């Protein structure tokens, strides 16, 4: 099953949100993310979280049984919503509206890619990037010039790429700007990581360097 989780951050474009919603078999709002889903005309299957950001309009519109209150203070509403999807059979989960606003929230929301490793394939998506965790190896089949960024969470070693404009060979990549704004040169490109965690930012646009 493929699920879409809508967080309560900055909403993506209406076109992107509706496109992702139409492709999902299960749509779950993380607390106040219900407002983004309603604005896009999506059918919300569940609203999950501590429910402190749910609007009066959402409560008046959605049936009471679709609200799933979880007051666990040790998990974010986004964690709870993704966990709900996995518990209901989701094998792939796309997350939108996870950025914008507070930088600490945006960075923490990216941590779900690592937290749910081995439980489901999770992507964080906005109008610029599809972000995923490289679990050993990843392949990028995309037009030449597609922007690619690699961001290590902490320290990663044995990072090797092929098909990018600037390739790495058995490289030690730290949490730094070193891996940002590369580009696909020969598709499909590939990235492998021997040890550590690296986030793959696959751009939704082409921007060839001069």
N, C-alpha and C. Protein backbone atom coordinates (compact mmCIF):
# COMPACT_ATOMS: atom_id res chain seq x y z
N UNK A 1 0.84 -1.20 0.00
CA UNK A 1 0.00 0.00 0.00
C UNK A 1 0.88 1.25 0.00
N UNK A 2 0.44 2.25 -0.73
CA UNK A 2 1.15 3.52 -0.79
C UNK A 2 0.33 4.58 -0.05
N UNK A 3 0.99 5.31 0.85
CA UNK A 3 0.30 6.31 1.67
C UNK A 3 0.90 7.69 1.47
N UNK A 4 0.09 8.69 1.72
CA UNK A 4 0.53 10.09 1.72
C UNK A 4 0.25 10.66 3.10
N UNK A 5 1.28 11.26 3.70
CA UNK A 5 1.13 11.95 4.98
C UNK A 5 1.30 13.44 4.72
N UNK A 6 0.36 14.22 5.21
CA UNK A 6 0.41 15.68 5.04
C UNK A 6 0.69 16.30 6.40
N UNK A 7 1.87 16.88 6.53
CA UNK A 7 2.28 17.51 7.78
C UNK A 7 1.70 18.93 7.87
N UNK A 8 2.10 19.65 8.92
CA UNK A 8 1.51 20.96 9.17
C UNK A 8 2.50 22.08 8.90
N UNK A 9 3.47 21.82 7.99
CA UNK A 9 4.42 22.85 7.62
C UNK A 9 3.93 23.61 6.40
N UNK A 10 4.87 24.12 5.63
CA UNK A 10 4.52 24.88 4.43
C UNK A 10 3.99 23.95 3.36
N UNK A 11 2.79 24.25 2.86
CA UNK A 11 2.16 23.38 1.88
C UNK A 11 2.85 23.49 0.53
N UNK A 12 2.94 22.39 -0.22
CA UNK A 12 3.47 22.46 -1.58
C UNK A 12 2.43 23.06 -2.51
N UNK A 13 2.77 23.16 -3.77
CA UNK A 13 1.82 23.69 -4.75
C UNK A 13 0.58 22.79 -4.80
N UNK A 14 -0.53 23.39 -5.16
CA UNK A 14 -1.78 22.65 -5.23
C UNK A 14 -1.66 21.50 -6.22
N UNK A 15 -1.00 21.74 -7.34
CA UNK A 15 -0.85 20.69 -8.35
C UNK A 15 -0.10 19.50 -7.79
N UNK A 16 1.01 19.74 -7.09
CA UNK A 16 1.80 18.65 -6.54
C UNK A 16 1.02 17.90 -5.48
N UNK A 17 0.36 18.62 -4.60
CA UNK A 17 -0.40 17.98 -3.52
C UNK A 17 -1.52 17.12 -4.08
N UNK A 18 -2.24 17.63 -5.06
CA UNK A 18 -3.33 16.84 -5.65
C UNK A 18 -2.79 15.63 -6.41
N UNK A 19 -1.68 15.80 -7.10
CA UNK A 19 -1.08 14.69 -7.83
C UNK A 19 -0.66 13.57 -6.88
N UNK A 20 -0.01 13.93 -5.78
CA UNK A 20 0.41 12.92 -4.80
C UNK A 20 -0.80 12.29 -4.12
N UNK A 21 -1.80 13.09 -3.86
CA UNK A 21 -3.02 12.56 -3.24
C UNK A 21 -3.73 11.56 -4.13
N UNK A 22 -3.77 11.85 -5.42
CA UNK A 22 -4.45 10.95 -6.36
C UNK A 22 -3.72 9.61 -6.50
N UNK A 23 -2.42 9.61 -6.21
CA UNK A 23 -1.62 8.38 -6.33
C UNK A 23 -1.63 7.55 -5.06
N UNK A 24 -2.17 8.09 -3.98
CA UNK A 24 -2.12 7.42 -2.68
C UNK A 24 -3.38 6.59 -2.42
N UNK A 25 -3.16 5.46 -1.77
CA UNK A 25 -4.28 4.62 -1.35
C UNK A 25 -4.75 4.95 0.06
N UNK A 26 -3.92 5.66 0.80
CA UNK A 26 -4.25 6.07 2.17
C UNK A 26 -3.71 7.47 2.37
N UNK A 27 -4.57 8.40 2.81
CA UNK A 27 -4.17 9.78 3.05
C UNK A 27 -4.36 10.10 4.52
N UNK A 28 -3.26 10.45 5.19
CA UNK A 28 -3.28 10.72 6.62
C UNK A 28 -2.74 12.12 6.87
N UNK A 29 -3.45 12.89 7.64
CA UNK A 29 -2.99 14.22 8.03
C UNK A 29 -2.35 14.14 9.40
N UNK A 30 -1.19 14.77 9.55
CA UNK A 30 -0.55 14.89 10.84
C UNK A 30 -1.09 16.16 11.50
N UNK A 31 -2.06 15.97 12.38
CA UNK A 31 -2.67 17.07 13.11
C UNK A 31 -3.17 18.18 12.17
N UNK A 32 -2.60 19.40 12.29
CA UNK A 32 -3.08 20.53 11.51
C UNK A 32 -2.89 20.40 10.02
N UNK A 33 -2.17 19.37 9.57
CA UNK A 33 -2.04 19.13 8.14
C UNK A 33 -3.37 18.86 7.47
N UNK A 34 -4.38 18.58 8.27
CA UNK A 34 -5.73 18.36 7.72
C UNK A 34 -6.20 19.57 6.91
N UNK A 35 -5.79 20.77 7.34
CA UNK A 35 -6.22 21.99 6.62
C UNK A 35 -5.63 22.03 5.21
N UNK A 36 -4.38 21.61 5.05
CA UNK A 36 -3.78 21.56 3.70
C UNK A 36 -4.53 20.57 2.82
N UNK A 37 -4.85 19.41 3.38
CA UNK A 37 -5.56 18.39 2.61
C UNK A 37 -6.94 18.88 2.18
N UNK A 38 -7.64 19.51 3.10
CA UNK A 38 -8.98 20.02 2.78
C UNK A 38 -8.92 21.11 1.72
N UNK A 39 -7.91 21.97 1.80
CA UNK A 39 -7.78 23.04 0.81
C UNK A 39 -7.53 22.50 -0.58
N UNK A 40 -6.91 21.31 -0.65
CA UNK A 40 -6.62 20.68 -1.95
C UNK A 40 -7.77 19.79 -2.40
N UNK A 41 -8.80 19.66 -1.59
CA UNK A 41 -9.93 18.82 -1.96
C UNK A 41 -9.67 17.34 -1.84
N UNK A 42 -8.69 16.96 -1.02
CA UNK A 42 -8.36 15.55 -0.84
C UNK A 42 -9.26 14.91 0.22
N UNK A 43 -9.51 13.63 0.04
CA UNK A 43 -10.28 12.87 1.03
C UNK A 43 -9.33 12.36 2.10
N UNK A 44 -9.53 12.80 3.33
CA UNK A 44 -8.65 12.44 4.44
C UNK A 44 -9.18 11.17 5.10
N UNK A 45 -8.34 10.15 5.15
CA UNK A 45 -8.74 8.90 5.80
C UNK A 45 -8.56 8.94 7.30
N UNK A 46 -7.56 9.71 7.77
CA UNK A 46 -7.31 9.78 9.21
C UNK A 46 -6.54 11.06 9.53
N UNK A 47 -6.81 11.60 10.71
CA UNK A 47 -6.04 12.71 11.27
C UNK A 47 -5.41 12.19 12.54
N UNK A 48 -4.08 12.23 12.62
CA UNK A 48 -3.35 11.58 13.71
C UNK A 48 -2.46 12.59 14.42
N UNK A 49 -2.41 12.52 15.74
CA UNK A 49 -1.53 13.39 16.52
C UNK A 49 -2.16 13.79 17.83
N UNK A 50 -1.56 14.80 18.47
CA UNK A 50 -2.17 15.26 19.72
C UNK A 50 -3.37 16.16 19.47
N UNK A 51 -3.58 16.51 18.20
CA UNK A 51 -4.77 17.23 17.72
C UNK A 51 -4.91 18.63 18.30
N UNK A 52 -3.78 19.24 18.67
CA UNK A 52 -3.86 20.59 19.21
C UNK A 52 -3.86 21.66 18.13
N UNK A 53 -3.63 21.26 16.87
CA UNK A 53 -3.60 22.22 15.77
C UNK A 53 -4.73 22.03 14.78
N UNK A 54 -5.62 21.10 15.07
CA UNK A 54 -6.76 20.87 14.18
C UNK A 54 -7.73 22.04 14.26
N UNK A 55 -8.14 22.55 13.11
CA UNK A 55 -9.03 23.71 13.09
C UNK A 55 -10.48 23.29 13.36
N UNK A 56 -11.26 24.28 13.73
CA UNK A 56 -12.69 24.04 13.95
C UNK A 56 -13.36 23.59 12.66
N UNK A 57 -12.89 24.12 11.53
CA UNK A 57 -13.46 23.74 10.24
C UNK A 57 -13.22 22.27 9.95
N UNK A 58 -12.03 21.77 10.29
CA UNK A 58 -11.74 20.35 10.07
C UNK A 58 -12.60 19.48 10.97
N UNK A 59 -12.76 19.87 12.20
CA UNK A 59 -13.58 19.08 13.13
C UNK A 59 -15.04 19.06 12.70
N UNK A 60 -15.49 20.17 12.10
CA UNK A 60 -16.88 20.25 11.68
C UNK A 60 -17.12 19.47 10.39
N UNK A 61 -16.07 19.28 9.59
CA UNK A 61 -16.22 18.66 8.28
C UNK A 61 -16.01 17.15 8.31
N UNK A 62 -15.02 16.70 9.09
CA UNK A 62 -14.65 15.28 9.07
C UNK A 62 -15.40 14.49 10.15
N UNK A 63 -15.76 13.25 9.86
CA UNK A 63 -16.40 12.40 10.87
C UNK A 63 -15.48 12.20 12.08
N UNK A 64 -16.07 12.12 13.25
CA UNK A 64 -15.30 12.01 14.49
C UNK A 64 -14.39 10.79 14.50
N UNK A 65 -14.83 9.70 13.86
CA UNK A 65 -14.05 8.47 13.90
C UNK A 65 -12.75 8.56 13.09
N UNK A 66 -12.57 9.61 12.31
CA UNK A 66 -11.33 9.75 11.55
C UNK A 66 -10.23 10.45 12.35
N UNK A 67 -10.56 10.93 13.54
CA UNK A 67 -9.57 11.58 14.39
C UNK A 67 -8.99 10.55 15.35
N UNK A 68 -7.67 10.44 15.35
CA UNK A 68 -6.98 9.45 16.18
C UNK A 68 -6.03 10.19 17.11
N UNK A 69 -6.47 10.38 18.34
CA UNK A 69 -5.70 11.16 19.30
C UNK A 69 -4.56 10.32 19.88
N UNK A 70 -3.35 10.89 19.83
CA UNK A 70 -2.17 10.23 20.39
C UNK A 70 -1.37 11.31 21.12
N UNK A 71 -1.38 11.25 22.43
CA UNK A 71 -0.77 12.30 23.24
C UNK A 71 0.67 12.00 23.63
N UNK A 72 1.27 10.96 23.05
CA UNK A 72 2.64 10.59 23.39
C UNK A 72 3.58 11.78 23.19
N UNK A 73 4.18 12.31 24.29
CA UNK A 73 5.03 13.51 24.15
C UNK A 73 6.41 13.20 23.58
N UNK A 74 6.76 11.93 23.46
CA UNK A 74 8.09 11.55 22.98
C UNK A 74 8.15 11.35 21.47
N UNK A 75 7.01 11.55 20.79
CA UNK A 75 6.99 11.46 19.34
C UNK A 75 6.30 12.69 18.76
N UNK A 76 6.79 13.13 17.60
CA UNK A 76 6.14 14.24 16.91
C UNK A 76 4.87 13.74 16.22
N UNK A 77 4.02 14.67 15.86
CA UNK A 77 2.80 14.28 15.15
C UNK A 77 3.13 13.62 13.81
N UNK A 78 4.22 14.05 13.18
CA UNK A 78 4.61 13.43 11.92
C UNK A 78 5.02 11.98 12.14
N UNK A 79 5.79 11.71 13.19
CA UNK A 79 6.14 10.32 13.52
C UNK A 79 4.88 9.48 13.72
N UNK A 80 3.95 10.03 14.47
CA UNK A 80 2.72 9.29 14.77
C UNK A 80 1.94 8.98 13.49
N UNK A 81 1.89 9.95 12.58
CA UNK A 81 1.13 9.76 11.34
C UNK A 81 1.79 8.70 10.45
N UNK A 82 3.12 8.74 10.34
CA UNK A 82 3.81 7.73 9.54
C UNK A 82 3.65 6.36 10.18
N UNK A 83 3.79 6.28 11.50
CA UNK A 83 3.59 5.01 12.20
C UNK A 83 2.20 4.46 12.00
N UNK A 84 1.19 5.33 11.97
CA UNK A 84 -0.19 4.92 11.71
C UNK A 84 -0.30 4.29 10.32
N UNK A 85 0.33 4.92 9.33
CA UNK A 85 0.29 4.38 7.96
C UNK A 85 0.91 2.99 7.89
N UNK A 86 2.06 2.84 8.53
CA UNK A 86 2.75 1.54 8.50
C UNK A 86 1.92 0.49 9.22
N UNK A 87 1.32 0.86 10.35
CA UNK A 87 0.48 -0.08 11.09
C UNK A 87 -0.72 -0.53 10.28
N UNK A 88 -1.14 0.29 9.31
CA UNK A 88 -2.29 -0.05 8.47
C UNK A 88 -1.86 -0.59 7.11
N UNK A 89 -0.59 -1.03 7.00
CA UNK A 89 -0.18 -1.76 5.82
C UNK A 89 0.62 -1.00 4.78
N UNK A 90 0.96 0.26 5.04
CA UNK A 90 1.70 1.02 4.04
C UNK A 90 3.13 0.53 3.94
N UNK A 91 3.58 0.30 2.72
CA UNK A 91 4.97 -0.08 2.46
C UNK A 91 5.79 1.09 1.93
N UNK A 92 5.11 2.07 1.32
CA UNK A 92 5.75 3.30 0.87
C UNK A 92 4.93 4.47 1.39
N UNK A 93 5.63 5.50 1.85
CA UNK A 93 4.96 6.67 2.43
C UNK A 93 5.62 7.93 1.89
N UNK A 94 4.84 8.78 1.25
CA UNK A 94 5.31 10.10 0.85
C UNK A 94 4.85 11.12 1.88
N UNK A 95 5.72 12.06 2.22
CA UNK A 95 5.42 13.09 3.21
C UNK A 95 5.52 14.45 2.54
N UNK A 96 4.51 15.28 2.72
CA UNK A 96 4.55 16.65 2.19
C UNK A 96 4.28 17.63 3.31
N UNK A 97 4.56 18.90 3.04
CA UNK A 97 4.34 19.99 4.01
C UNK A 97 5.16 19.79 5.27
N UNK A 98 6.38 19.29 5.10
CA UNK A 98 7.25 19.02 6.25
C UNK A 98 8.31 20.10 6.43
N UNK A 99 8.34 21.11 5.58
CA UNK A 99 9.35 22.15 5.66
C UNK A 99 8.73 23.52 5.83
N UNK A 100 9.59 24.55 5.72
CA UNK A 100 9.13 25.91 5.90
C UNK A 100 9.01 26.28 7.37
N UNK A 101 8.90 27.56 7.64
CA UNK A 101 8.72 27.98 9.02
C UNK A 101 9.96 27.75 9.86
N UNK A 102 9.79 27.09 11.01
CA UNK A 102 10.89 26.89 11.94
C UNK A 102 11.91 25.89 11.41
N UNK A 103 13.19 26.30 11.45
CA UNK A 103 14.25 25.44 10.93
C UNK A 103 14.40 24.18 11.76
N UNK A 104 14.16 24.27 13.08
CA UNK A 104 14.32 23.07 13.91
C UNK A 104 13.28 22.03 13.56
N UNK A 105 12.05 22.46 13.27
CA UNK A 105 11.00 21.53 12.87
C UNK A 105 11.33 20.90 11.52
N UNK A 106 11.78 21.72 10.58
CA UNK A 106 12.10 21.20 9.24
C UNK A 106 13.21 20.16 9.30
N UNK A 107 14.25 20.44 10.09
CA UNK A 107 15.36 19.50 10.19
C UNK A 107 14.93 18.23 10.91
N UNK A 108 14.16 18.39 11.99
CA UNK A 108 13.68 17.22 12.72
C UNK A 108 12.76 16.36 11.85
N UNK A 109 11.97 16.99 10.99
CA UNK A 109 11.07 16.22 10.13
C UNK A 109 11.84 15.34 9.15
N UNK A 110 13.02 15.79 8.72
CA UNK A 110 13.83 14.95 7.83
C UNK A 110 14.35 13.71 8.55
N UNK A 111 14.41 13.75 9.87
CA UNK A 111 14.92 12.60 10.62
C UNK A 111 14.02 11.37 10.48
N UNK A 112 12.77 11.56 10.07
CA UNK A 112 11.87 10.40 9.92
C UNK A 112 12.39 9.45 8.85
N UNK A 113 13.17 9.96 7.90
CA UNK A 113 13.72 9.10 6.85
C UNK A 113 14.63 8.04 7.46
N UNK A 114 15.33 8.41 8.51
CA UNK A 114 16.22 7.48 9.20
C UNK A 114 15.47 6.65 10.24
N UNK A 115 14.53 7.28 10.93
CA UNK A 115 13.82 6.60 12.01
C UNK A 115 13.01 5.40 11.51
N UNK A 116 12.49 5.49 10.30
CA UNK A 116 11.63 4.43 9.79
C UNK A 116 12.36 3.51 8.81
N UNK A 117 13.69 3.56 8.83
CA UNK A 117 14.47 2.67 8.00
C UNK A 117 14.08 1.21 8.27
N UNK A 118 13.85 0.44 7.22
CA UNK A 118 13.52 -0.97 7.37
C UNK A 118 12.05 -1.24 7.63
N UNK A 119 11.27 -0.20 7.92
CA UNK A 119 9.84 -0.37 8.16
C UNK A 119 9.00 -0.01 6.94
N UNK A 120 9.45 1.00 6.21
CA UNK A 120 8.77 1.43 4.99
C UNK A 120 9.73 2.32 4.22
N UNK A 121 9.46 2.47 2.93
CA UNK A 121 10.22 3.42 2.11
C UNK A 121 9.54 4.77 2.24
N UNK A 122 10.24 5.71 2.86
CA UNK A 122 9.66 7.02 3.14
C UNK A 122 10.39 8.08 2.32
N UNK A 123 9.63 9.00 1.73
CA UNK A 123 10.21 10.14 1.02
C UNK A 123 9.57 11.42 1.56
N UNK A 124 10.38 12.47 1.66
CA UNK A 124 9.87 13.80 1.98
C UNK A 124 9.92 14.62 0.70
N UNK A 125 8.79 15.17 0.31
CA UNK A 125 8.65 15.78 -1.01
C UNK A 125 8.17 17.23 -0.88
N UNK A 126 8.80 18.11 -1.67
CA UNK A 126 8.27 19.47 -1.84
C UNK A 126 8.40 19.84 -3.31
N UNK A 127 8.20 21.10 -3.63
CA UNK A 127 8.22 21.50 -5.03
C UNK A 127 9.63 21.53 -5.62
N UNK A 128 10.64 21.42 -4.78
CA UNK A 128 12.01 21.43 -5.25
C UNK A 128 12.65 20.04 -5.28
N UNK A 129 12.40 19.23 -4.26
CA UNK A 129 13.12 17.98 -4.12
C UNK A 129 12.22 16.82 -3.69
N UNK A 130 12.64 15.62 -4.10
CA UNK A 130 12.23 14.38 -3.46
C UNK A 130 13.42 13.95 -2.61
N UNK A 131 13.21 13.79 -1.30
CA UNK A 131 14.31 13.48 -0.39
C UNK A 131 14.12 12.07 0.16
N UNK A 132 15.17 11.28 0.09
CA UNK A 132 15.11 9.90 0.59
C UNK A 132 16.42 9.54 1.25
N UNK A 133 16.40 8.49 2.05
CA UNK A 133 17.61 7.97 2.68
C UNK A 133 18.22 6.92 1.76
N UNK A 134 19.52 7.02 1.52
CA UNK A 134 20.20 6.02 0.72
C UNK A 134 20.47 4.81 1.59
N UNK A 135 19.81 3.71 1.29
CA UNK A 135 19.99 2.49 2.07
C UNK A 135 20.93 1.57 1.30
N UNK A 136 22.21 1.86 1.41
CA UNK A 136 23.22 1.08 0.69
C UNK A 136 23.50 1.65 -0.68
N UNK A 137 22.49 1.64 -1.54
CA UNK A 137 22.69 2.13 -2.90
C UNK A 137 21.39 2.72 -3.44
N UNK A 138 21.54 3.74 -4.27
CA UNK A 138 20.38 4.36 -4.93
C UNK A 138 20.72 4.64 -6.38
N UNK A 139 19.71 4.55 -7.23
CA UNK A 139 19.86 4.84 -8.65
C UNK A 139 18.97 6.02 -9.01
N UNK A 140 19.51 6.94 -9.79
CA UNK A 140 18.75 8.11 -10.22
C UNK A 140 18.66 8.11 -11.74
N UNK A 141 17.49 7.76 -12.24
CA UNK A 141 17.22 7.83 -13.68
C UNK A 141 16.52 9.15 -13.94
N UNK A 142 17.25 10.12 -14.46
CA UNK A 142 16.72 11.46 -14.63
C UNK A 142 17.46 12.16 -15.76
N UNK A 143 16.85 13.18 -16.34
CA UNK A 143 17.52 13.89 -17.44
C UNK A 143 18.84 14.52 -16.99
N UNK A 144 19.77 14.64 -17.92
CA UNK A 144 21.04 15.31 -17.63
C UNK A 144 20.76 16.73 -17.15
N UNK A 145 21.48 17.13 -16.12
CA UNK A 145 21.28 18.45 -15.54
C UNK A 145 20.37 18.45 -14.33
N UNK A 146 19.69 17.33 -14.06
CA UNK A 146 18.86 17.25 -12.87
C UNK A 146 19.72 17.47 -11.63
N UNK A 147 19.28 18.37 -10.77
CA UNK A 147 20.08 18.72 -9.59
C UNK A 147 20.02 17.60 -8.56
N UNK A 148 21.18 17.26 -8.02
CA UNK A 148 21.32 16.22 -7.00
C UNK A 148 22.16 16.78 -5.85
N UNK A 149 21.68 16.62 -4.62
CA UNK A 149 22.47 16.97 -3.45
C UNK A 149 22.55 15.77 -2.52
N UNK A 150 23.71 15.60 -1.90
CA UNK A 150 23.94 14.53 -0.94
C UNK A 150 24.32 15.16 0.39
N UNK A 151 23.54 14.90 1.42
CA UNK A 151 23.79 15.47 2.74
C UNK A 151 23.94 14.33 3.73
N UNK A 152 25.11 14.23 4.34
CA UNK A 152 25.34 13.20 5.35
C UNK A 152 24.71 13.61 6.67
N UNK A 153 24.17 12.62 7.36
CA UNK A 153 23.70 12.83 8.73
C UNK A 153 24.83 12.37 9.63
N UNK A 154 25.61 13.31 10.13
CA UNK A 154 26.80 12.94 10.88
C UNK A 154 27.94 12.66 9.91
N UNK A 155 28.52 11.47 10.01
CA UNK A 155 29.66 11.10 9.18
C UNK A 155 29.32 9.83 8.40
N UNK A 156 29.60 9.85 7.10
CA UNK A 156 29.41 8.66 6.26
C UNK A 156 30.73 8.36 5.55
N UNK A 157 30.97 7.10 5.29
CA UNK A 157 32.21 6.71 4.62
C UNK A 157 31.92 5.78 3.46
N UNK A 158 32.90 5.66 2.56
CA UNK A 158 32.72 4.81 1.40
C UNK A 158 31.64 5.30 0.46
N UNK A 159 31.52 6.62 0.32
CA UNK A 159 30.52 7.18 -0.58
C UNK A 159 31.09 7.21 -2.00
N UNK A 160 30.44 6.52 -2.91
CA UNK A 160 30.90 6.44 -4.30
C UNK A 160 29.73 6.75 -5.23
N UNK A 161 29.99 7.59 -6.22
CA UNK A 161 28.94 7.93 -7.18
C UNK A 161 29.44 7.70 -8.60
N UNK A 162 28.51 7.42 -9.49
CA UNK A 162 28.80 7.37 -10.92
C UNK A 162 27.68 8.12 -11.64
N UNK A 163 28.01 8.71 -12.77
CA UNK A 163 26.99 9.37 -13.57
C UNK A 163 26.67 10.79 -13.14
N UNK A 164 27.38 11.32 -12.14
CA UNK A 164 27.19 12.71 -11.74
C UNK A 164 28.28 13.57 -12.36
N UNK A 165 28.06 14.86 -12.39
CA UNK A 165 29.08 15.75 -12.98
C UNK A 165 30.36 15.72 -12.15
N UNK A 166 30.24 15.72 -10.83
CA UNK A 166 31.38 15.62 -9.94
C UNK A 166 31.21 14.35 -9.11
N UNK A 167 31.96 13.33 -9.44
CA UNK A 167 31.80 12.04 -8.79
C UNK A 167 32.70 11.90 -7.57
N UNK A 168 32.30 11.02 -6.67
CA UNK A 168 33.06 10.70 -5.47
C UNK A 168 33.47 9.24 -5.54
N UNK A 169 34.64 8.93 -5.02
CA UNK A 169 35.12 7.56 -4.98
C UNK A 169 35.58 7.24 -3.57
N UNK A 170 34.88 6.31 -2.93
CA UNK A 170 35.24 5.88 -1.57
C UNK A 170 35.50 7.09 -0.68
N UNK A 171 34.57 8.03 -0.70
CA UNK A 171 34.75 9.33 -0.05
C UNK A 171 34.13 9.32 1.34
N UNK A 172 34.77 10.05 2.28
CA UNK A 172 34.21 10.26 3.61
C UNK A 172 33.45 11.58 3.60
N UNK A 173 32.14 11.50 3.72
CA UNK A 173 31.28 12.68 3.62
C UNK A 173 30.76 13.04 5.00
N UNK A 174 31.03 14.26 5.41
CA UNK A 174 30.57 14.73 6.72
C UNK A 174 29.33 15.59 6.55
N UNK A 175 28.67 15.89 7.67
CA UNK A 175 27.54 16.82 7.67
C UNK A 175 28.10 18.21 7.35
N UNK A 176 27.95 18.60 6.08
CA UNK A 176 28.59 19.82 5.59
C UNK A 176 27.96 20.17 4.25
N UNK A 177 28.34 21.33 3.69
CA UNK A 177 27.83 21.68 2.36
C UNK A 177 28.52 20.94 1.21
N UNK A 178 29.46 20.06 1.49
CA UNK A 178 30.30 19.48 0.44
C UNK A 178 29.50 18.82 -0.68
N UNK A 179 28.39 18.16 -0.35
CA UNK A 179 27.69 17.38 -1.37
C UNK A 179 26.53 18.07 -2.06
N UNK A 180 26.36 19.37 -1.86
CA UNK A 180 25.18 20.02 -2.43
C UNK A 180 25.39 20.43 -3.89
N UNK A 181 24.29 20.49 -4.59
CA UNK A 181 24.16 21.01 -5.96
C UNK A 181 25.14 20.38 -6.93
N UNK A 182 25.07 19.07 -7.01
CA UNK A 182 25.70 18.34 -8.09
C UNK A 182 24.64 18.20 -9.18
N UNK A 183 24.93 17.42 -10.22
CA UNK A 183 23.92 17.23 -11.25
C UNK A 183 24.16 15.92 -11.98
N UNK A 184 23.09 15.38 -12.53
CA UNK A 184 23.19 14.17 -13.33
C UNK A 184 23.90 14.51 -14.64
N UNK A 185 24.91 13.71 -14.96
CA UNK A 185 25.62 13.86 -16.24
C UNK A 185 25.26 12.74 -17.19
N UNK A 186 25.25 11.50 -16.67
CA UNK A 186 24.91 10.32 -17.48
C UNK A 186 23.88 9.50 -16.70
N UNK A 187 22.69 9.41 -17.26
CA UNK A 187 21.62 8.67 -16.60
C UNK A 187 21.62 7.21 -17.04
N UNK A 188 21.40 6.26 -16.11
CA UNK A 188 21.11 6.50 -14.69
C UNK A 188 22.39 6.69 -13.88
N UNK A 189 22.33 7.64 -12.94
CA UNK A 189 23.43 7.84 -12.00
C UNK A 189 23.24 6.89 -10.82
N UNK A 190 24.31 6.63 -10.09
CA UNK A 190 24.19 5.75 -8.93
C UNK A 190 25.00 6.33 -7.77
N UNK A 191 24.51 6.07 -6.56
CA UNK A 191 25.19 6.49 -5.34
C UNK A 191 25.20 5.30 -4.39
N UNK A 192 26.37 4.99 -3.85
CA UNK A 192 26.46 3.93 -2.86
C UNK A 192 27.13 4.46 -1.60
N UNK A 193 26.71 3.93 -0.45
CA UNK A 193 27.24 4.36 0.84
C UNK A 193 27.61 3.10 1.63
N UNK A 194 28.89 2.99 2.02
CA UNK A 194 29.34 1.81 2.75
C UNK A 194 28.91 1.86 4.21
N UNK A 195 29.08 3.01 4.84
CA UNK A 195 28.72 3.17 6.25
C UNK A 195 28.17 4.56 6.49
N UNK A 196 27.18 4.65 7.38
CA UNK A 196 26.60 5.94 7.73
C UNK A 196 25.33 6.23 6.94
N UNK A 197 24.78 7.40 7.22
CA UNK A 197 23.49 7.78 6.62
C UNK A 197 23.66 9.01 5.75
N UNK A 198 23.17 8.92 4.52
CA UNK A 198 23.24 10.03 3.58
C UNK A 198 21.86 10.24 2.99
N UNK A 199 21.42 11.50 2.99
CA UNK A 199 20.15 11.86 2.37
C UNK A 199 20.38 12.25 0.91
N UNK A 200 19.55 11.70 0.05
CA UNK A 200 19.58 12.02 -1.38
C UNK A 200 18.48 13.02 -1.68
N UNK A 201 18.88 14.21 -2.13
CA UNK A 201 17.94 15.23 -2.58
C UNK A 201 17.91 15.19 -4.10
N UNK A 202 16.83 14.67 -4.64
CA UNK A 202 16.70 14.60 -6.10
C UNK A 202 15.85 15.77 -6.56
N UNK A 203 16.46 16.67 -7.33
CA UNK A 203 15.76 17.87 -7.76
C UNK A 203 14.63 17.59 -8.73
N UNK A 204 13.66 18.46 -8.70
CA UNK A 204 12.53 18.37 -9.60
C UNK A 204 12.69 19.31 -10.80
N UNK A 205 13.95 19.74 -11.02
CA UNK A 205 14.23 20.64 -12.13
C UNK A 205 15.62 20.37 -12.67
N UNK A 206 15.88 20.93 -13.85
CA UNK A 206 17.18 20.78 -14.53
C UNK A 206 17.89 22.12 -14.49
N UNK A 207 19.14 22.11 -14.06
CA UNK A 207 19.93 23.34 -14.00
C UNK A 207 21.39 23.00 -14.27
N UNK A 208 21.75 22.97 -15.53
CA UNK A 208 23.11 22.61 -15.90
C UNK A 208 24.09 23.73 -15.56
N UNK A 209 25.22 23.33 -14.96
CA UNK A 209 26.26 24.30 -14.68
C UNK A 209 26.90 24.77 -15.98
N UNK A 210 27.40 25.98 -15.95
CA UNK A 210 28.07 26.52 -17.14
C UNK A 210 29.40 25.80 -17.37
